[in-house]
Amino acid sequence: MRSIHRRTLLSMTLLGCGAAAAATPPATGLGQSWPNTTDVSASPHYHVYLFQRGGVRYLQVNDTAGTVRGAIAVVDGEALDLPVGADASHWTNIADTPAPAASETVYRDNTVSVLVAPQPDGSARLMLAPGDCDNPAQCSIRGP
């Protein structure tokens, strides 16, 4: 697994706090097409699910057909992309590459935003930005 470094991810161990996850997220279901948990997606084109186990928080992105596109784990302020989903290798850092115009925010809380950009070959580019980012194409989320 490669690490997705973020200056704002130190507080991501609380990922999903607030309205998106008022109750403790479930500990099981990661990797499932239709996990038994609440869809917290901000988009009608994707489903986003939160999980928590052993102090680690997980965020999974599915498309509307239930295909798992990708997932990340957040522990000790570090986001790790997981080998889960059809686009598991397509997570990118917004600071490394600007978000394409066709990208869509699928999840956002006060610590992280997750964007998805459909690609011509049917895959999806998965991107992270700080939660307080109003313009993800211009936000820097590099580590300290």
C-alpha atoms as a PDB file:
ATOM      1  CA  MET A   1       0.000   0.000   0.000  1.00  0.00           C
ATOM      2  CA  ARG A   2       1.185   3.473  -0.651  1.00  0.00           C
ATOM      3  CA  SER A   3       0.546   6.323   1.669  1.00  0.00           C
ATOM      4  CA  ILE A   4      -1.428   9.390   0.654  1.00  0.00           C
ATOM      5  CA  HIS A   5       0.257  12.155   2.641  1.00  0.00           C
ATOM      6  CA  ARG A   6      -1.889  15.035   3.857  1.00  0.00           C
ATOM      7  CA  ARG A   7      -1.255  17.950   6.210  1.00  0.00           C
ATOM      8  CA  THR A   8      -4.923  17.913   7.139  1.00  0.00           C
ATOM      9  CA  LEU A   9      -5.259  14.185   7.688  1.00  0.00           C
ATOM     10  CA  LEU A  10      -3.951  14.281  11.240  1.00  0.00           C
ATOM     11  CA  SER A  11      -7.491  15.010  12.289  1.00  0.00           C
ATOM     12  CA  MET A  12      -8.951  12.447   9.885  1.00  0.00           C
ATOM     13  CA  THR A  13      -9.001   9.817  12.590  1.00  0.00           C
ATOM     14  CA  LEU A  14     -12.283  11.540  13.311  1.00  0.00           C
ATOM     15  CA  LEU A  15     -13.361  11.080   9.684  1.00  0.00           C
ATOM     16  CA  GLY A  16     -17.085  11.188   9.415  1.00  0.00           C
ATOM     17  CA  CYS A  17     -17.724  12.972  12.693  1.00  0.00           C
ATOM     18  CA  GLY A  18     -20.691  15.252  12.634  1.00  0.00           C
ATOM     19  CA  ALA A  19     -23.771  14.867  10.515  1.00  0.00           C
ATOM     20  CA  ALA A  20     -22.367  12.156   8.238  1.00  0.00           C
ATOM     21  CA  ALA A  21     -21.685   9.759  11.087  1.00  0.00           C
ATOM     22  CA  ALA A  22     -23.606  10.632  14.205  1.00  0.00           C
ATOM     23  CA  ALA A  23     -23.521   6.978  15.277  1.00  0.00           C
ATOM     24  CA  THR A  24     -20.430   4.785  15.335  1.00  0.00           C
ATOM     25  CA  PRO A  25     -19.860   3.342  11.848  1.00  0.00           C
ATOM     26  CA  PRO A  26     -20.078  -0.456  11.549  1.00  0.00           C
ATOM     27  CA  ALA A  27     -16.969  -2.639  11.867  1.00  0.00           C
ATOM     28  CA  THR A  28     -17.835  -5.009   9.019  1.00  0.00           C
ATOM     29  CA  GLY A  29     -18.921  -4.772   5.392  1.00  0.00           C
ATOM     30  CA  LEU A  30     -15.868  -3.163   3.780  1.00  0.00           C
ATOM     31  CA  GLY A  31     -15.503  -4.389   0.205  1.00  0.00           C
ATOM     32  CA  GLN A  32     -19.159  -5.347  -0.195  1.00  0.00           C
ATOM     33  CA  SER A  33     -21.290  -4.000  -3.016  1.00  0.00           C
ATOM     34  CA  TRP A  34     -24.204  -3.223  -0.716  1.00  0.00           C
ATOM     35  CA  PRO A  35     -22.908  -3.090   2.877  1.00  0.00           C
ATOM     36  CA  ASN A  36     -25.456  -2.893   5.678  1.00  0.00           C
ATOM     37  CA  THR A  37     -24.756   0.739   6.596  1.00  0.00           C
ATOM     38  CA  THR A  38     -25.878   4.231   5.699  1.00  0.00           C
ATOM     39  CA  ASP A  39     -24.894   5.735   2.358  1.00  0.00           C
ATOM     40  CA  VAL A  40     -23.269   9.092   3.179  1.00  0.00           C
ATOM     41  CA  SER A  41     -22.600  10.135  -0.420  1.00  0.00           C
ATOM     42  CA  ALA A  42     -23.054  13.726  -1.537  1.00  0.00           C
ATOM     43  CA  SER A  43     -23.678  12.497  -5.090  1.00  0.00           C
ATOM     44  CA  PRO A  44     -26.542  10.622  -6.727  1.00  0.00           C
ATOM     45  CA  HIS A  45     -23.935   8.911  -8.968  1.00  0.00           C
ATOM     46  CA  TYR A  46     -21.957   7.173  -6.196  1.00  0.00           C
ATOM     47  CA  HIS A  47     -22.400   5.528  -2.811  1.00  0.00           C
ATOM     48  CA  VAL A  48     -19.987   6.254   0.043  1.00  0.00           C
ATOM     49  CA  TYR A  49     -19.820   4.072   3.152  1.00  0.00           C
ATOM     50  CA  LEU A  50     -17.938   4.588   6.429  1.00  0.00           C
ATOM     51  CA  PHE A  51     -16.585   1.810   8.663  1.00  0.00           C
ATOM     52  CA  GLN A  52     -14.551   1.756  11.866  1.00  0.00           C
ATOM     53  CA  ARG A  53     -12.587  -1.008  13.562  1.00  0.00           C
ATOM     54  CA  GLY A  54      -9.744  -0.975  16.071  1.00  0.00           C
ATOM     55  CA  GLY A  55      -9.309   2.792  15.918  1.00  0.00           C
ATOM     56  CA  VAL A  56      -9.018   2.753  12.116  1.00  0.00           C
ATOM     57  CA  ARG A  57     -11.650   4.468   9.983  1.00  0.00           C
ATOM     58  CA  TYR A  58     -12.417   3.302   6.462  1.00  0.00           C
ATOM     59  CA  LEU A  59     -14.184   5.081   3.618  1.00  0.00           C
ATOM     60  CA  GLN A  60     -15.435   3.110   0.598  1.00  0.00           C
ATOM     61  CA  VAL A  61     -16.692   4.495  -2.736  1.00  0.00           C
ATOM     62  CA  ASN A  62     -19.110   2.447  -4.878  1.00  0.00           C
ATOM     63  CA  ASP A  63     -20.807   3.373  -8.135  1.00  0.00           C
ATOM     64  CA  THR A  64     -24.601   3.207  -8.533  1.00  0.00           C
ATOM     65  CA  ALA A  65     -24.406  -0.387  -9.786  1.00  0.00           C
ATOM     66  CA  GLY A  66     -22.742  -1.400  -6.505  1.00  0.00           C
ATOM     67  CA  THR A  67     -19.267  -1.855  -7.984  1.00  0.00           C
ATOM     68  CA  VAL A  68     -16.685  -1.074  -5.334  1.00  0.00           C
ATOM     69  CA  ARG A  69     -14.439   1.598  -6.865  1.00  0.00           C
ATOM     70  CA  GLY A  70     -11.964   2.089  -4.027  1.00  0.00           C
ATOM     71  CA  ALA A  71     -11.394   2.528  -0.313  1.00  0.00           C
ATOM     72  CA  ILE A  72      -9.029   4.259   2.076  1.00  0.00           C
ATOM     73  CA  ALA A  73      -8.038   3.594   5.667  1.00  0.00           C
ATOM     74  CA  VAL A  74      -7.198   6.415   8.043  1.00  0.00           C
ATOM     75  CA  VAL A  75      -4.999   5.747  11.055  1.00  0.00           C
ATOM     76  CA  ASP A  76      -2.775   8.061  13.062  1.00  0.00           C
ATOM     77  CA  GLY A  77      -3.461  10.918  10.646  1.00  0.00           C
ATOM     78  CA  GLU A  78      -2.297   8.946   7.619  1.00  0.00           C
ATOM     79  CA  ALA A  79      -4.557   7.902   4.737  1.00  0.00           C
ATOM     80  CA  LEU A  80      -3.714   4.639   3.017  1.00  0.00           C
ATOM     81  CA  ASP A  81      -5.343   3.536  -0.190  1.00  0.00           C
ATOM     82  CA  LEU A  82      -6.486  -0.062   0.130  1.00  0.00           C
ATOM     83  CA  PRO A  83      -6.287  -2.859  -2.449  1.00  0.00           C
ATOM     84  CA  VAL A  84     -10.090  -2.917  -2.588  1.00  0.00           C
ATOM     85  CA  GLY A  85     -12.193  -2.095  -5.630  1.00  0.00           C
ATOM     86  CA  ALA A  86     -12.005  -1.831  -9.388  1.00  0.00           C
ATOM     87  CA  ASP A  87     -10.092   1.458  -9.191  1.00  0.00           C
ATOM     88  CA  ALA A  88      -7.968   0.741  -6.123  1.00  0.00           C
ATOM     89  CA  SER A  89      -4.816   1.900  -7.897  1.00  0.00           C
ATOM     90  CA  HIS A  90      -6.378   5.155  -9.107  1.00  0.00           C
ATOM     91  CA  TRP A  91      -6.275   7.238  -5.879  1.00  0.00           C
ATOM     92  CA  THR A  92      -4.453  10.520  -6.441  1.00  0.00           C
ATOM     93  CA  ASN A  93      -3.408  13.518  -4.446  1.00  0.00           C
ATOM     94  CA  ILE A  94      -5.070  16.720  -5.655  1.00  0.00           C
ATOM     95  CA  ALA A  95      -1.826  18.562  -4.887  1.00  0.00           C
ATOM     96  CA  ASP A  96       0.059  16.222  -7.251  1.00  0.00           C
ATOM     97  CA  THR A  97      -2.396  16.534 -10.122  1.00  0.00           C
ATOM     98  CA  PRO A  98      -5.206  19.085 -10.515  1.00  0.00           C
ATOM     99  CA  ALA A  99      -8.731  17.700 -10.359  1.00  0.00           C
ATOM    100  CA  PRO A 100     -10.279  17.343 -13.805  1.00  0.00           C
ATOM    101  CA  ALA A 101     -13.252  19.530 -14.681  1.00  0.00           C
ATOM    102  CA  ALA A 102     -15.456  16.418 -14.873  1.00  0.00           C
ATOM    103  CA  SER A 103     -14.755  15.469 -11.247  1.00  0.00           C
ATOM    104  CA  GLU A 104     -17.570  15.281  -8.742  1.00  0.00           C
ATOM    105  CA  THR A 105     -17.431  15.576  -4.952  1.00  0.00           C
ATOM    106  CA  VAL A 106     -18.900  12.372  -3.537  1.00  0.00           C
ATOM    107  CA  TYR A 107     -18.064  12.899   0.136  1.00  0.00           C
ATOM    108  CA  ARG A 108     -17.078  15.845   2.258  1.00  0.00           C
ATOM    109  CA  ASP A 109     -16.720  16.510   5.945  1.00  0.00           C
ATOM    110  CA  ASN A 110     -14.636  19.001   7.885  1.00  0.00           C
ATOM    111  CA  THR A 111     -11.433  16.984   7.382  1.00  0.00           C
ATOM    112  CA  VAL A 112     -11.578  15.469   3.889  1.00  0.00           C
ATOM    113  CA  SER A 113     -13.252  15.689   0.503  1.00  0.00           C
ATOM    114  CA  VAL A 114     -13.380  12.733  -1.872  1.00  0.00           C
ATOM    115  CA  LEU A 115     -13.833  13.399  -5.570  1.00  0.00           C
ATOM    116  CA  VAL A 116     -14.407  10.993  -8.459  1.00  0.00           C
ATOM    117  CA  ALA A 117     -13.745  11.610 -12.141  1.00  0.00           C
ATOM    118  CA  PRO A 118     -15.077   9.029 -14.618  1.00  0.00           C
ATOM    119  CA  GLN A 119     -12.487   8.097 -17.232  1.00  0.00           C
ATOM    120  CA  PRO A 120     -13.088   7.308 -20.942  1.00  0.00           C
ATOM    121  CA  ASP A 121     -12.129   3.635 -20.389  1.00  0.00           C
ATOM    122  CA  GLY A 122     -14.873   3.172 -17.753  1.00  0.00           C
ATOM    123  CA  SER A 123     -12.543   3.406 -14.764  1.00  0.00           C
ATOM    124  CA  ALA A 124     -12.751   6.153 -12.162  1.00  0.00           C
ATOM    125  CA  ARG A 125     -10.034   8.462 -10.871  1.00  0.00           C
ATOM    126  CA  LEU A 126     -10.385   8.776  -7.081  1.00  0.00           C
ATOM    127  CA  MET A 127      -9.057  11.936  -5.422  1.00  0.00           C
ATOM    128  CA  LEU A 128      -8.629  13.347  -1.902  1.00  0.00           C
ATOM    129  CA  ALA A 129      -8.582  16.985  -0.824  1.00  0.00           C
ATOM    130  CA  PRO A 130      -8.799  18.700   2.566  1.00  0.00           C
ATOM    131  CA  GLY A 131     -12.364  18.977   3.869  1.00  0.00           C
ATOM    132  CA  ASP A 132     -12.151  22.769   4.085  1.00  0.00           C
ATOM    133  CA  CYS A 133     -11.191  23.050   0.420  1.00  0.00           C
ATOM    134  CA  ASP A 134     -13.641  25.161  -1.587  1.00  0.00           C
ATOM    135  CA  ASN A 135     -11.732  24.671  -4.850  1.00  0.00           C
ATOM    136  CA  PRO A 136     -10.202  21.153  -4.884  1.00  0.00           C
ATOM    137  CA  ALA A 137      -8.355  21.824  -8.149  1.00  0.00           C
ATOM    138  CA  GLN A 138      -6.228  24.404  -6.304  1.00  0.00           C
ATOM    139  CA  CYS A 139      -5.885  22.971  -2.785  1.00  0.00           C
ATOM    140  CA  SER A 140      -2.579  21.693  -1.504  1.00  0.00           C
ATOM    141  CA  ILE A 141      -2.739  18.669   0.754  1.00  0.00           C
ATOM    142  CA  ARG A 142       0.922  17.771   1.002  1.00  0.00           C
ATOM    143  CA  GLY A 143       2.363  16.588   4.281  1.00  0.00           C
ATOM    144  CA  PRO A 144       4.236  19.012   6.569  1.00  0.00           C
END
